[in-house]
Amino acid sequence: MGRLDGKVCIVTGASAGIGRATARLFCQEGARVVAVARREERLEELARECRDLAGEMTWYAGDVSTPETAAAMVKKAVDTFGRLDVAVNGAGIMDDNTAIGDMSDEMLLKTFQVNTFGLMYGMREECRQYLAQGDGGVIVNICSVGATHQTSGAAYCASKGAVLAATKNTAFMYMEEGIRCNAVSPGGVVTDIPLVMPPSDPFGFGRTGKLLEFSGELAMPEDLADAILFLASDQSRYVNGEELKCDGGWTCF
């Protein structure tokens, strides 16, 4: 307990799934958390749930795919708690498993706008704040095994490949400034994402579905939150520019 005592943290995608479990765990570990997502009522509910935990939670409701939300969430952290120490960029969406020959412009733009542009807008503002503070900071990006294994459609896998590249580039660029940037790559996780995903393309899923026979039991969001906490805390102070796969061995072939 107390692995994030006093740390000021942003967690995006905090209304459900991995982001929600992470925001709650961080608060339990003593952090002062700004929970970010579009659904304000879910964020209010989460803050009430965390009221008796060791840390403190507030929220910012906004669409992380816009640069305005990225700037506003960092400002919220600084205005409320005085600084920023840790940022978890966790908001993301799936595509519909389409191969590139069947991929629509709409699917390509939507997937990259949230998964890649939104995450990089956040990283940009987070790094600017860390550089202004002058004492470093931590970024944990929620990537996917789809960055390196073809678990979904072309748009999703490419968007997560870009996340992994941006993670490593940021770690390299700012290591001398004390900024650590790592990624956690989940495999199958029990979240509500399948409830809002578009119907799977028959051809694409016919290909990616073959990988499911290698997949074991699905993870719970809390399993991922534990891994994220490790990378966010000082326990991983010498880990930088790495991808931590958290998939139960799904992609070890």
C-alpha atoms as a PDB file:
ATOM      1  CA  MET A   1       0.000   0.000   0.000  1.00  0.00           C
ATOM      2  CA  GLY A   2       1.044   3.600  -0.523  1.00  0.00           C
ATOM      3  CA  ARG A   3       3.156   3.059  -3.619  1.00  0.00           C
ATOM      4  CA  LEU A   4       1.852   6.328  -5.096  1.00  0.00           C
ATOM      5  CA  ASP A   5       1.520   8.375  -1.902  1.00  0.00           C
ATOM      6  CA  GLY A   6       1.065  12.030  -2.808  1.00  0.00           C
ATOM      7  CA  LYS A   7       1.645  11.503  -6.527  1.00  0.00           C
ATOM      8  CA  VAL A   8      -0.591  13.466  -8.887  1.00  0.00           C
ATOM      9  CA  CYS A   9      -1.880  11.177 -11.637  1.00  0.00           C
ATOM     10  CA  ILE A  10      -4.035  11.454 -14.744  1.00  0.00           C
ATOM     11  CA  VAL A  11      -5.854   8.345 -15.967  1.00  0.00           C
ATOM     12  CA  THR A  12      -7.752   8.522 -19.254  1.00  0.00           C
ATOM     13  CA  GLY A  13     -10.438   6.048 -20.246  1.00  0.00           C
ATOM     14  CA  ALA A  14     -11.401   6.010 -16.569  1.00  0.00           C
ATOM     15  CA  SER A  15     -15.137   5.487 -16.941  1.00  0.00           C
ATOM     16  CA  ALA A  16     -14.851   1.721 -17.525  1.00  0.00           C
ATOM     17  CA  GLY A  17     -12.607  -1.294 -17.860  1.00  0.00           C
ATOM     18  CA  ILE A  18      -8.856  -0.996 -17.435  1.00  0.00           C
ATOM     19  CA  GLY A  19      -8.919   2.759 -16.925  1.00  0.00           C
ATOM     20  CA  ARG A  20     -11.512   2.568 -14.172  1.00  0.00           C
ATOM     21  CA  ALA A  21      -9.668  -0.228 -12.351  1.00  0.00           C
ATOM     22  CA  THR A  22      -6.409   1.718 -12.657  1.00  0.00           C
ATOM     23  CA  ALA A  23      -7.842   4.983 -11.345  1.00  0.00           C
ATOM     24  CA  ARG A  24      -9.323   3.156  -8.368  1.00  0.00           C
ATOM     25  CA  LEU A  25      -6.099   1.269  -7.611  1.00  0.00           C
ATOM     26  CA  PHE A  26      -4.052   4.463  -7.835  1.00  0.00           C
ATOM     27  CA  CYS A  27      -6.393   6.152  -5.370  1.00  0.00           C
ATOM     28  CA  GLN A  28      -6.084   3.137  -3.089  1.00  0.00           C
ATOM     29  CA  GLU A  29      -2.296   3.518  -3.273  1.00  0.00           C
ATOM     30  CA  GLY A  30      -2.442   7.125  -2.073  1.00  0.00           C
ATOM     31  CA  ALA A  31      -2.458   9.031  -5.365  1.00  0.00           C
ATOM     32  CA  ARG A  32      -4.315  12.222  -6.151  1.00  0.00           C
ATOM     33  CA  VAL A  33      -6.097  11.233  -9.348  1.00  0.00           C
ATOM     34  CA  VAL A  34      -7.713  13.133 -12.203  1.00  0.00           C
ATOM     35  CA  ALA A  35     -10.016  10.591 -13.880  1.00  0.00           C
ATOM     36  CA  VAL A  36     -10.746  11.457 -17.523  1.00  0.00           C
ATOM     37  CA  ALA A  37     -13.449  10.122 -19.858  1.00  0.00           C
ATOM     38  CA  ARG A  38     -16.471  11.326 -21.822  1.00  0.00           C
ATOM     39  CA  ARG A  39     -19.173  10.003 -19.481  1.00  0.00           C
ATOM     40  CA  GLU A  40     -19.291  12.406 -16.566  1.00  0.00           C
ATOM     41  CA  GLU A  41     -21.884  10.408 -14.650  1.00  0.00           C
ATOM     42  CA  ARG A  42     -19.555   7.383 -14.639  1.00  0.00           C
ATOM     43  CA  LEU A  43     -16.695   9.531 -13.389  1.00  0.00           C
ATOM     44  CA  GLU A  44     -18.830  10.958 -10.591  1.00  0.00           C
ATOM     45  CA  GLU A  45     -19.817   7.440  -9.612  1.00  0.00           C
ATOM     46  CA  LEU A  46     -16.180   6.348  -9.554  1.00  0.00           C
ATOM     47  CA  ALA A  47     -15.182   9.310  -7.389  1.00  0.00           C
ATOM     48  CA  ARG A  48     -17.899   8.409  -4.887  1.00  0.00           C
ATOM     49  CA  GLU A  49     -16.654   4.812  -4.772  1.00  0.00           C
ATOM     50  CA  CYS A  50     -13.134   6.041  -4.000  1.00  0.00           C
ATOM     51  CA  ARG A  51     -14.137   8.576  -1.353  1.00  0.00           C
ATOM     52  CA  ASP A  52     -12.889   6.454   1.571  1.00  0.00           C
ATOM     53  CA  LEU A  53      -9.637   5.322  -0.036  1.00  0.00           C
ATOM     54  CA  ALA A  54      -6.201   6.641   0.901  1.00  0.00           C
ATOM     55  CA  GLY A  55      -5.907   9.052  -2.001  1.00  0.00           C
ATOM     56  CA  GLU A  56      -8.117  11.701  -3.563  1.00  0.00           C
ATOM     57  CA  MET A  57     -10.017  11.790  -6.838  1.00  0.00           C
ATOM     58  CA  THR A  58     -11.457  14.436  -9.078  1.00  0.00           C
ATOM     59  CA  TRP A  59     -12.421  14.177 -12.738  1.00  0.00           C
ATOM     60  CA  TYR A  60     -12.501  15.876 -16.098  1.00  0.00           C
ATOM     61  CA  ALA A  61     -15.167  14.963 -18.658  1.00  0.00           C
ATOM     62  CA  GLY A  62     -13.974  15.322 -22.228  1.00  0.00           C
ATOM     63  CA  ASP A  63     -13.197  13.634 -25.529  1.00  0.00           C
ATOM     64  CA  VAL A  64      -9.549  12.579 -25.456  1.00  0.00           C
ATOM     65  CA  SER A  65      -9.369  12.523 -29.256  1.00  0.00           C
ATOM     66  CA  THR A  66      -9.137  16.338 -29.238  1.00  0.00           C
ATOM     67  CA  PRO A  67      -6.086  18.443 -28.361  1.00  0.00           C
ATOM     68  CA  GLU A  68      -8.338  20.695 -26.262  1.00  0.00           C
ATOM     69  CA  THR A  69      -9.118  17.859 -23.849  1.00  0.00           C
ATOM     70  CA  ALA A  70      -5.435  16.945 -23.561  1.00  0.00           C
ATOM     71  CA  ALA A  71      -4.551  20.489 -22.540  1.00  0.00           C
ATOM     72  CA  ALA A  72      -7.560  20.800 -20.221  1.00  0.00           C
ATOM     73  CA  MET A  73      -6.905  17.575 -18.305  1.00  0.00           C
ATOM     74  CA  VAL A  74      -3.315  18.546 -17.566  1.00  0.00           C
ATOM     75  CA  LYS A  75      -4.472  22.005 -16.524  1.00  0.00           C
ATOM     76  CA  LYS A  76      -7.057  20.383 -14.239  1.00  0.00           C
ATOM     77  CA  ALA A  77      -4.329  18.344 -12.523  1.00  0.00           C
ATOM     78  CA  VAL A  78      -2.068  21.359 -12.041  1.00  0.00           C
ATOM     79  CA  ASP A  79      -4.848  23.725 -10.961  1.00  0.00           C
ATOM     80  CA  THR A  80      -6.259  21.185  -8.488  1.00  0.00           C
ATOM     81  CA  PHE A  81      -3.159  19.486  -7.130  1.00  0.00           C
ATOM     82  CA  GLY A  82      -0.265  21.755  -8.119  1.00  0.00           C
ATOM     83  CA  ARG A  83       1.682  19.491 -10.463  1.00  0.00           C
ATOM     84  CA  LEU A  84       1.682  16.233 -12.442  1.00  0.00           C
ATOM     85  CA  ASP A  85       3.724  13.110 -11.699  1.00  0.00           C
ATOM     86  CA  VAL A  86       2.136  10.198 -13.577  1.00  0.00           C
ATOM     87  CA  ALA A  87      -0.046   9.955 -16.681  1.00  0.00           C
ATOM     88  CA  VAL A  88      -1.790   6.807 -17.866  1.00  0.00           C
ATOM     89  CA  ASN A  89      -3.093   7.193 -21.411  1.00  0.00           C
ATOM     90  CA  GLY A  90      -5.677   4.439 -21.512  1.00  0.00           C
ATOM     91  CA  ALA A  91      -8.587   5.533 -23.693  1.00  0.00           C
ATOM     92  CA  GLY A  92      -9.016   3.445 -26.830  1.00  0.00           C
ATOM     93  CA  ILE A  93     -11.428   1.799 -29.257  1.00  0.00           C
ATOM     94  CA  MET A  94     -11.454  -1.322 -31.440  1.00  0.00           C
ATOM     95  CA  ASP A  95     -12.058  -1.525 -35.157  1.00  0.00           C
ATOM     96  CA  ASP A  96     -14.257  -4.048 -36.968  1.00  0.00           C
ATOM     97  CA  ASN A  97     -11.508  -6.528 -37.934  1.00  0.00           C
ATOM     98  CA  THR A  98     -11.423  -5.390 -41.549  1.00  0.00           C
ATOM     99  CA  ALA A  99      -8.408  -6.112 -43.714  1.00  0.00           C
ATOM    100  CA  ILE A 100      -7.024  -3.040 -45.445  1.00  0.00           C
ATOM    101  CA  GLY A 101      -8.752  -3.817 -48.744  1.00  0.00           C
ATOM    102  CA  ASP A 102     -12.146  -3.533 -47.038  1.00  0.00           C
ATOM    103  CA  MET A 103     -11.300  -0.763 -44.574  1.00  0.00           C
ATOM    104  CA  SER A 104     -13.450   2.371 -44.765  1.00  0.00           C
ATOM    105  CA  ASP A 105     -12.119   5.904 -44.466  1.00  0.00           C
ATOM    106  CA  GLU A 106     -14.437   6.396 -41.502  1.00  0.00           C
ATOM    107  CA  MET A 107     -13.019   3.417 -39.603  1.00  0.00           C
ATOM    108  CA  LEU A 108      -9.427   4.427 -40.306  1.00  0.00           C
ATOM    109  CA  LEU A 109      -9.939   8.022 -39.170  1.00  0.00           C
ATOM    110  CA  LYS A 110     -11.982   7.159 -36.081  1.00  0.00           C
ATOM    111  CA  THR A 111      -9.536   4.501 -34.879  1.00  0.00           C
ATOM    112  CA  PHE A 112      -6.467   6.670 -35.308  1.00  0.00           C
ATOM    113  CA  GLN A 113      -8.174   9.762 -33.905  1.00  0.00           C
ATOM    114  CA  VAL A 114      -8.757   8.052 -30.551  1.00  0.00           C
ATOM    115  CA  ASN A 115      -6.010   5.448 -30.279  1.00  0.00           C
ATOM    116  CA  THR A 116      -3.115   7.372 -31.793  1.00  0.00           C
ATOM    117  CA  PHE A 117      -3.798  11.100 -32.139  1.00  0.00           C
ATOM    118  CA  GLY A 118      -5.641  11.317 -28.829  1.00  0.00           C
ATOM    119  CA  LEU A 119      -2.896   9.467 -26.978  1.00  0.00           C
ATOM    120  CA  MET A 120      -0.184  11.598 -28.585  1.00  0.00           C
ATOM    121  CA  TYR A 121      -2.035  14.828 -27.823  1.00  0.00           C
ATOM    122  CA  GLY A 122      -2.027  13.689 -24.210  1.00  0.00           C
ATOM    123  CA  MET A 123       1.660  12.749 -24.262  1.00  0.00           C
ATOM    124  CA  ARG A 124       2.534  16.127 -25.743  1.00  0.00           C
ATOM    125  CA  GLU A 125       0.836  18.050 -22.945  1.00  0.00           C
ATOM    126  CA  GLU A 126       2.141  15.700 -20.268  1.00  0.00           C
ATOM    127  CA  CYS A 127       5.725  16.053 -21.460  1.00  0.00           C
ATOM    128  CA  ARG A 128       5.404  19.824 -21.663  1.00  0.00           C
ATOM    129  CA  GLN A 129       4.262  19.871 -18.039  1.00  0.00           C
ATOM    130  CA  TYR A 130       7.066  17.557 -16.910  1.00  0.00           C
ATOM    131  CA  LEU A 131       9.645  19.706 -18.691  1.00  0.00           C
ATOM    132  CA  ALA A 132       8.212  22.867 -17.122  1.00  0.00           C
ATOM    133  CA  GLN A 133       8.416  21.283 -13.658  1.00  0.00           C
ATOM    134  CA  GLY A 134      11.984  20.215 -14.316  1.00  0.00           C
ATOM    135  CA  ASP A 135      11.972  17.070 -12.189  1.00  0.00           C
ATOM    136  CA  GLY A 136      10.793  14.392 -14.600  1.00  0.00           C
ATOM    137  CA  GLY A 137       7.634  12.320 -14.658  1.00  0.00           C
ATOM    138  CA  VAL A 138       6.103   9.041 -15.758  1.00  0.00           C
ATOM    139  CA  ILE A 139       3.931   8.091 -18.743  1.00  0.00           C
ATOM    140  CA  VAL A 140       2.276   4.690 -19.120  1.00  0.00           C
ATOM    141  CA  ASN A 141       0.547   4.091 -22.441  1.00  0.00           C
ATOM    142  CA  ILE A 142      -2.026   1.350 -22.883  1.00  0.00           C
ATOM    143  CA  CYS A 143      -0.954  -0.296 -26.095  1.00  0.00           C
ATOM    144  CA  SER A 144      -2.064  -3.775 -27.271  1.00  0.00           C
ATOM    145  CA  VAL A 145      -0.640  -7.072 -28.372  1.00  0.00           C
ATOM    146  CA  GLY A 146      -2.164  -5.963 -31.674  1.00  0.00           C
ATOM    147  CA  ALA A 147       0.841  -3.658 -32.100  1.00  0.00           C
ATOM    148  CA  THR A 148       2.996  -6.681 -32.908  1.00  0.00           C
ATOM    149  CA  HIS A 149       0.500  -9.529 -33.531  1.00  0.00           C
ATOM    150  CA  GLN A 150      -2.392  -9.416 -35.952  1.00  0.00           C
ATOM    151  CA  THR A 151      -5.231  -9.715 -33.463  1.00  0.00           C
ATOM    152  CA  SER A 152      -7.639  -7.292 -35.153  1.00  0.00           C
ATOM    153  CA  GLY A 153      -8.098  -5.243 -38.294  1.00  0.00           C
ATOM    154  CA  ALA A 154      -5.560  -3.128 -40.155  1.00  0.00           C
ATOM    155  CA  ALA A 155      -6.647   0.168 -38.604  1.00  0.00           C
ATOM    156  CA  TYR A 156      -6.493  -1.046 -35.001  1.00  0.00           C
ATOM    157  CA  CYS A 157      -3.188  -2.886 -35.320  1.00  0.00           C
ATOM    158  CA  ALA A 158      -1.570   0.050 -37.123  1.00  0.00           C
ATOM    159  CA  SER A 159      -2.882   2.528 -34.555  1.00  0.00           C
ATOM    160  CA  LYS A 160      -1.389   0.508 -31.711  1.00  0.00           C
ATOM    161  CA  GLY A 161       1.865   0.017 -33.613  1.00  0.00           C
ATOM    162  CA  ALA A 162       2.114   3.799 -33.717  1.00  0.00           C
ATOM    163  CA  VAL A 163       1.487   3.946 -29.959  1.00  0.00           C
ATOM    164  CA  LEU A 164       4.379   1.582 -29.339  1.00  0.00           C
ATOM    165  CA  ALA A 165       6.676   3.631 -31.585  1.00  0.00           C
ATOM    166  CA  ALA A 166       5.662   6.887 -29.874  1.00  0.00           C
ATOM    167  CA  THR A 167       6.315   5.301 -26.481  1.00  0.00           C
ATOM    168  CA  LYS A 168       9.854   4.284 -27.362  1.00  0.00           C
ATOM    169  CA  ASN A 169      10.615   7.569 -29.089  1.00  0.00           C
ATOM    170  CA  THR A 170       9.466   9.587 -26.082  1.00  0.00           C
ATOM    171  CA  ALA A 171      11.540   7.475 -23.689  1.00  0.00           C
ATOM    172  CA  PHE A 172      14.600   7.993 -25.883  1.00  0.00           C
ATOM    173  CA  MET A 173      14.080  11.708 -26.400  1.00  0.00           C
ATOM    174  CA  TYR A 174      13.546  12.616 -22.750  1.00  0.00           C
ATOM    175  CA  MET A 175      15.521  10.083 -20.726  1.00  0.00           C
ATOM    176  CA  GLU A 176      18.054  12.748 -19.728  1.00  0.00           C
ATOM    177  CA  GLU A 177      15.185  14.926 -18.494  1.00  0.00           C
ATOM    178  CA  GLY A 178      13.978  12.192 -16.152  1.00  0.00           C
ATOM    179  CA  ILE A 179      10.826  11.310 -18.083  1.00  0.00           C
ATOM    180  CA  ARG A 180      10.058   7.587 -18.179  1.00  0.00           C
ATOM    181  CA  CYS A 181       7.656   6.309 -20.826  1.00  0.00           C
ATOM    182  CA  ASN A 182       6.537   2.675 -21.036  1.00  0.00           C
ATOM    183  CA  ALA A 183       3.633   0.715 -22.483  1.00  0.00           C
ATOM    184  CA  VAL A 184       1.418  -2.092 -21.234  1.00  0.00           C
ATOM    185  CA  SER A 185       0.015  -4.338 -23.955  1.00  0.00           C
ATOM    186  CA  PRO A 186      -3.091  -6.286 -22.910  1.00  0.00           C
ATOM    187  CA  GLY A 187      -4.400  -9.357 -24.656  1.00  0.00           C
ATOM    188  CA  GLY A 188      -8.005 -10.378 -24.047  1.00  0.00           C
ATOM    189  CA  VAL A 189      -9.617  -8.490 -21.171  1.00  0.00           C
ATOM    190  CA  VAL A 190     -13.131  -8.570 -19.721  1.00  0.00           C
ATOM    191  CA  THR A 191     -14.394  -5.035 -20.476  1.00  0.00           C
ATOM    192  CA  ASP A 192     -17.459  -3.460 -22.034  1.00  0.00           C
ATOM    193  CA  ILE A 193     -15.622  -2.762 -25.314  1.00  0.00           C
ATOM    194  CA  PRO A 194     -17.334  -5.709 -27.100  1.00  0.00           C
ATOM    195  CA  LEU A 195     -20.686  -4.082 -26.307  1.00  0.00           C
ATOM    196  CA  VAL A 196     -19.829  -0.967 -28.334  1.00  0.00           C
ATOM    197  CA  MET A 197     -17.684  -2.507 -31.070  1.00  0.00           C
ATOM    198  CA  PRO A 198     -19.029  -2.517 -34.630  1.00  0.00           C
ATOM    199  CA  PRO A 199     -19.978  -5.917 -36.067  1.00  0.00           C
ATOM    200  CA  SER A 200     -16.908  -7.896 -37.101  1.00  0.00           C
ATOM    201  CA  ASP A 201     -16.095  -8.147 -40.772  1.00  0.00           C
ATOM    202  CA  PRO A 202     -16.577 -11.830 -41.747  1.00  0.00           C
ATOM    203  CA  PHE A 203     -13.396 -12.110 -43.809  1.00  0.00           C
ATOM    204  CA  GLY A 204     -11.211 -10.249 -41.303  1.00  0.00           C
ATOM    205  CA  PHE A 205     -12.530 -12.123 -38.294  1.00  0.00           C
ATOM    206  CA  GLY A 206     -12.153 -15.365 -40.208  1.00  0.00           C
ATOM    207  CA  ARG A 207      -8.428 -14.637 -40.198  1.00  0.00           C
ATOM    208  CA  THR A 208      -7.889 -13.050 -36.759  1.00  0.00           C
ATOM    209  CA  GLY A 209     -10.242 -15.556 -35.106  1.00  0.00           C
ATOM    210  CA  LYS A 210      -7.690 -18.280 -35.777  1.00  0.00           C
ATOM    211  CA  LEU A 211      -5.533 -16.725 -33.051  1.00  0.00           C
ATOM    212  CA  LEU A 212      -8.202 -17.262 -30.421  1.00  0.00           C
ATOM    213  CA  GLU A 213      -7.267 -20.925 -30.065  1.00  0.00           C
ATOM    214  CA  PHE A 214      -3.978 -19.739 -28.497  1.00  0.00           C
ATOM    215  CA  SER A 215      -5.758 -17.484 -26.019  1.00  0.00           C
ATOM    216  CA  GLY A 216      -6.300 -18.645 -22.482  1.00  0.00           C
ATOM    217  CA  GLU A 217      -8.556 -17.221 -19.815  1.00  0.00           C
ATOM    218  CA  LEU A 218      -9.447 -13.563 -20.272  1.00  0.00           C
ATOM    219  CA  ALA A 219      -7.844 -11.099 -17.869  1.00  0.00           C
ATOM    220  CA  MET A 220      -9.838  -8.931 -15.518  1.00  0.00           C
ATOM    221  CA  PRO A 221      -9.238  -5.151 -15.635  1.00  0.00           C
ATOM    222  CA  GLU A 222      -7.631  -5.385 -12.190  1.00  0.00           C
ATOM    223  CA  ASP A 223      -4.927  -7.671 -13.605  1.00  0.00           C
ATOM    224  CA  LEU A 224      -3.898  -4.916 -15.985  1.00  0.00           C
ATOM    225  CA  ALA A 225      -4.150  -2.245 -13.298  1.00  0.00           C
ATOM    226  CA  ASP A 226      -1.552  -4.124 -11.229  1.00  0.00           C
ATOM    227  CA  ALA A 227       0.881  -4.077 -14.164  1.00  0.00           C
ATOM    228  CA  ILE A 228       0.221  -0.396 -14.811  1.00  0.00           C
ATOM    229  CA  LEU A 229       0.837   0.396 -11.144  1.00  0.00           C
ATOM    230  CA  PHE A 230       4.250  -1.250 -11.344  1.00  0.00           C
ATOM    231  CA  LEU A 231       5.276   0.934 -14.294  1.00  0.00           C
ATOM    232  CA  ALA A 232       3.819   4.048 -12.666  1.00  0.00           C
ATOM    233  CA  SER A 233       5.578   3.557  -9.337  1.00  0.00           C
ATOM    234  CA  ASP A 234       9.196   3.952  -8.271  1.00  0.00           C
ATOM    235  CA  GLN A 235       9.482   0.159  -8.244  1.00  0.00           C
ATOM    236  CA  SER A 236      10.140   0.429 -11.984  1.00  0.00           C
ATOM    237  CA  ARG A 237      12.437   3.471 -11.755  1.00  0.00           C
ATOM    238  CA  TYR A 238      15.011   1.837 -14.072  1.00  0.00           C
ATOM    239  CA  VAL A 239      12.477   0.645 -16.667  1.00  0.00           C
ATOM    240  CA  ASN A 240      12.141   2.967 -19.650  1.00  0.00           C
ATOM    241  CA  GLY A 241      11.014   2.583 -23.250  1.00  0.00           C
ATOM    242  CA  GLU A 242       9.655  -0.925 -22.685  1.00  0.00           C
ATOM    243  CA  GLU A 243       6.512  -2.789 -23.663  1.00  0.00           C
ATOM    244  CA  LEU A 244       5.121  -5.040 -20.939  1.00  0.00           C
ATOM    245  CA  LYS A 245       2.873  -7.645 -22.530  1.00  0.00           C
ATOM    246  CA  CYS A 246       0.128  -8.665 -20.117  1.00  0.00           C
ATOM    247  CA  ASP A 247      -1.707 -11.343 -22.068  1.00  0.00           C
ATOM    248  CA  GLY A 248      -1.407 -14.571 -20.100  1.00  0.00           C
ATOM    249  CA  GLY A 249       1.072 -15.933 -22.624  1.00  0.00           C
ATOM    250  CA  TRP A 250      -1.271 -15.536 -25.610  1.00  0.00           C
ATOM    251  CA  THR A 251       1.446 -14.168 -27.926  1.00  0.00           C
ATOM    252  CA  CYS A 252       4.479 -16.070 -26.664  1.00  0.00           C
ATOM    253  CA  PHE A 253       4.560 -18.218 -29.814  1.00  0.00           C
END
